[in-house]
Amino acid sequence: MNRSIIKKLFYILLLALLPIGCKTTEVPPPSFYHDSIRIPKDVVRNAWFEHLAENNLSLYGAIIRATIVSQSSDKEVFVGKAVHIEGVEISYEYYISLENPNGENVLSVIWSNREINFDHYNNTDGKSMSFFADEYVMKLKTRKLHQKLGLGAFN
């Protein structure tokens, strides 16, 4: 074989293998900054959902149903809250609707852009997302402080 053919084959092989050697950049998961610390959104959302599953199963179930309906209908789905007063006891019933129930809407779910819009969500529904962001920041700062002080090395 002549040298020019070998050279051409070498360059073709090099070009064919070039993409294999290139590093692909991974897209970081969605996050936000809270108290100057980057927090992954999924960490806060998962903590919030776990809280609802343990403390407000009715709202948790309504959000799951709203998410499924929003996904299948490709529409915004509202979670409303009806108040029931019997004597001195107040209870809440959560429901889903494709139409905005205005003052009764707690939140809405839009599957297409993975969005939860908090409308009239309040303390009676559960802790806010910012509570779980604060909790994450506190745990992170505590862990860093423990590492800095070397508390794991104490007897």
Protein backbone atom coordinates (compact mmCIF):
# COMPACT_ATOMS: atom_id res chain seq x y z
CA MET A 1 0.00 0.00 0.00
CA ASN A 2 1.24 3.42 -0.71
CA ARG A 3 1.76 5.98 2.04
CA SER A 4 -0.97 8.41 0.90
CA ILE A 5 -3.63 5.68 1.13
CA ILE A 6 -2.41 4.71 4.60
CA LYS A 7 -2.49 8.37 5.62
CA LYS A 8 -6.06 8.77 4.32
CA LEU A 9 -7.17 5.60 6.14
CA PHE A 10 -5.54 6.89 9.33
CA TYR A 11 -7.44 10.20 9.12
CA ILE A 12 -10.73 8.44 8.35
CA LEU A 13 -10.19 6.15 11.33
CA LEU A 14 -9.24 9.11 13.52
CA LEU A 15 -12.40 11.00 12.51
CA ALA A 16 -14.53 7.91 13.11
CA LEU A 17 -13.10 7.42 16.62
CA LEU A 18 -13.03 11.11 17.57
CA PRO A 19 -16.60 11.28 18.96
CA ILE A 20 -15.84 8.31 21.23
CA GLY A 21 -13.07 10.22 22.96
CA CYS A 22 -15.10 13.39 23.44
CA LYS A 23 -16.74 13.90 26.78
CA THR A 24 -20.43 14.64 26.74
CA THR A 25 -21.55 17.26 29.17
CA GLU A 26 -24.34 16.14 31.44
CA VAL A 27 -27.17 18.54 32.07
CA PRO A 28 -27.38 19.14 35.82
CA PRO A 29 -30.72 18.36 37.42
CA PRO A 30 -33.06 21.33 37.94
CA SER A 31 -32.09 23.24 41.04
CA PHE A 32 -32.48 26.58 42.77
CA TYR A 33 -30.50 28.65 45.25
CA HIS A 34 -31.70 29.01 48.80
CA ASP A 35 -29.59 30.79 51.41
CA SER A 36 -26.77 30.89 48.80
CA ILE A 37 -26.72 27.08 48.53
CA ARG A 38 -27.67 25.16 45.38
CA ILE A 39 -30.48 22.75 46.16
CA PRO A 40 -31.74 20.08 43.75
CA LYS A 41 -35.47 20.60 43.24
CA ASP A 42 -36.17 16.87 43.39
CA VAL A 43 -34.77 16.66 46.94
CA VAL A 44 -37.18 19.34 48.18
CA ARG A 45 -40.14 17.99 46.19
CA ASN A 46 -39.57 14.43 47.41
CA ALA A 47 -39.34 15.58 51.04
CA TRP A 48 -42.55 17.60 50.59
CA PHE A 49 -44.38 14.63 49.02
CA GLU A 50 -43.21 12.31 51.80
CA HIS A 51 -44.50 14.82 54.36
CA LEU A 52 -47.88 14.95 52.64
CA ALA A 53 -48.06 11.15 52.40
CA GLU A 54 -47.51 10.93 56.16
CA ASN A 55 -49.54 13.95 57.31
CA ASN A 56 -52.21 14.75 54.71
CA LEU A 57 -52.98 11.61 52.76
CA SER A 58 -56.11 13.16 51.25
CA LEU A 59 -54.14 16.01 49.63
CA TYR A 60 -51.35 13.65 48.59
CA GLY A 61 -53.88 11.39 46.84
CA ALA A 62 -55.51 14.37 45.11
CA ILE A 63 -52.13 15.59 43.82
CA ILE A 64 -51.29 12.13 42.47
CA ARG A 65 -54.69 11.92 40.73
CA ALA A 66 -54.26 15.45 39.35
CA THR A 67 -50.84 14.53 37.99
CA ILE A 68 -52.20 11.45 36.23
CA VAL A 69 -55.14 13.37 34.74
CA SER A 70 -52.87 16.25 33.65
CA GLN A 71 -50.53 13.78 31.97
CA SER A 72 -53.31 12.00 30.08
CA SER A 73 -55.31 15.13 29.16
CA ASP A 74 -52.33 17.46 28.62
CA LYS A 75 -54.21 20.13 30.58
CA GLU A 76 -53.79 22.03 33.82
CA VAL A 77 -55.60 20.21 36.61
CA PHE A 78 -56.68 21.98 39.78
CA VAL A 79 -56.77 20.56 43.29
CA GLY A 80 -59.55 22.16 45.29
CA LYS A 81 -60.42 22.03 48.96
CA ALA A 82 -63.95 21.88 50.27
CA VAL A 83 -64.38 22.78 53.93
CA HIS A 84 -66.78 20.74 56.06
CA ILE A 85 -67.85 22.16 59.43
CA GLU A 86 -69.69 19.90 61.86
CA GLY A 87 -70.19 21.54 65.22
CA VAL A 88 -66.72 22.53 66.36
CA GLU A 89 -64.88 20.12 64.02
CA ILE A 90 -63.50 21.35 60.73
CA SER A 91 -62.43 18.87 58.07
CA TYR A 92 -61.27 19.24 54.50
CA GLU A 93 -62.00 17.24 51.40
CA TYR A 94 -59.67 17.58 48.42
CA TYR A 95 -60.89 17.07 44.88
CA ILE A 96 -59.57 17.59 41.35
CA SER A 97 -61.09 19.63 38.56
CA LEU A 98 -60.22 20.68 35.02
CA GLU A 99 -61.82 24.05 35.73
CA ASN A 100 -60.39 26.51 38.23
CA PRO A 101 -62.49 26.40 41.40
CA ASN A 102 -61.14 29.89 42.22
CA GLY A 103 -61.13 30.42 45.99
CA GLU A 104 -61.18 26.67 46.68
CA ASN A 105 -58.10 25.85 44.60
CA VAL A 106 -55.11 24.80 46.68
CA LEU A 107 -52.76 24.21 43.79
CA SER A 108 -52.66 23.14 40.17
CA VAL A 109 -50.57 20.63 38.25
CA ILE A 110 -49.34 21.08 34.70
CA TRP A 111 -47.72 17.86 33.50
CA SER A 112 -46.35 19.22 30.20
CA ASN A 113 -43.86 21.55 31.93
CA ARG A 114 -43.67 19.61 35.23
CA GLU A 115 -45.09 22.48 37.21
CA ILE A 116 -47.02 22.74 40.46
CA ASN A 117 -48.55 26.15 41.04
CA PHE A 118 -49.42 26.94 44.64
CA ASP A 119 -52.52 29.09 44.74
CA HIS A 120 -54.20 28.94 48.15
CA TYR A 121 -51.95 26.34 49.78
CA ASN A 122 -51.55 27.13 53.48
CA ASN A 123 -50.59 25.68 56.87
CA THR A 124 -53.78 23.63 57.14
CA ASP A 125 -52.64 21.74 54.02
CA GLY A 126 -49.12 21.01 55.25
CA LYS A 127 -45.64 22.44 55.45
CA SER A 128 -44.46 24.60 52.58
CA MET A 129 -41.71 23.72 50.10
CA SER A 130 -39.51 26.44 51.64
CA PHE A 131 -39.62 24.55 54.95
CA PHE A 132 -37.97 21.56 53.27
CA ALA A 133 -35.45 23.81 51.49
CA ASP A 134 -34.53 25.31 54.90
CA GLU A 135 -34.26 21.82 56.36
CA TYR A 136 -31.94 20.71 53.51
CA VAL A 137 -29.70 23.77 53.99
CA MET A 138 -29.54 23.18 57.76
CA LYS A 139 -28.59 19.51 57.30
CA LEU A 140 -25.91 20.45 54.77
CA LYS A 141 -24.44 23.15 57.02
CA THR A 142 -24.53 20.82 60.03
CA ARG A 143 -22.76 18.06 58.08
CA LYS A 144 -20.05 20.51 56.94
CA LEU A 145 -19.57 21.79 60.49
CA HIS A 146 -19.27 18.23 61.83
CA GLN A 147 -16.67 17.42 59.17
CA LYS A 148 -14.73 20.62 59.87
CA LEU A 149 -14.66 19.93 63.61
CA GLY A 150 -13.91 16.24 63.08
CA LEU A 151 -16.71 15.18 65.40
CA GLY A 152 -16.64 11.67 63.95
CA ALA A 153 -13.17 11.16 65.46
CA PHE A 154 -14.32 11.79 69.04
CA ASN A 155 -14.60 8.76 71.33
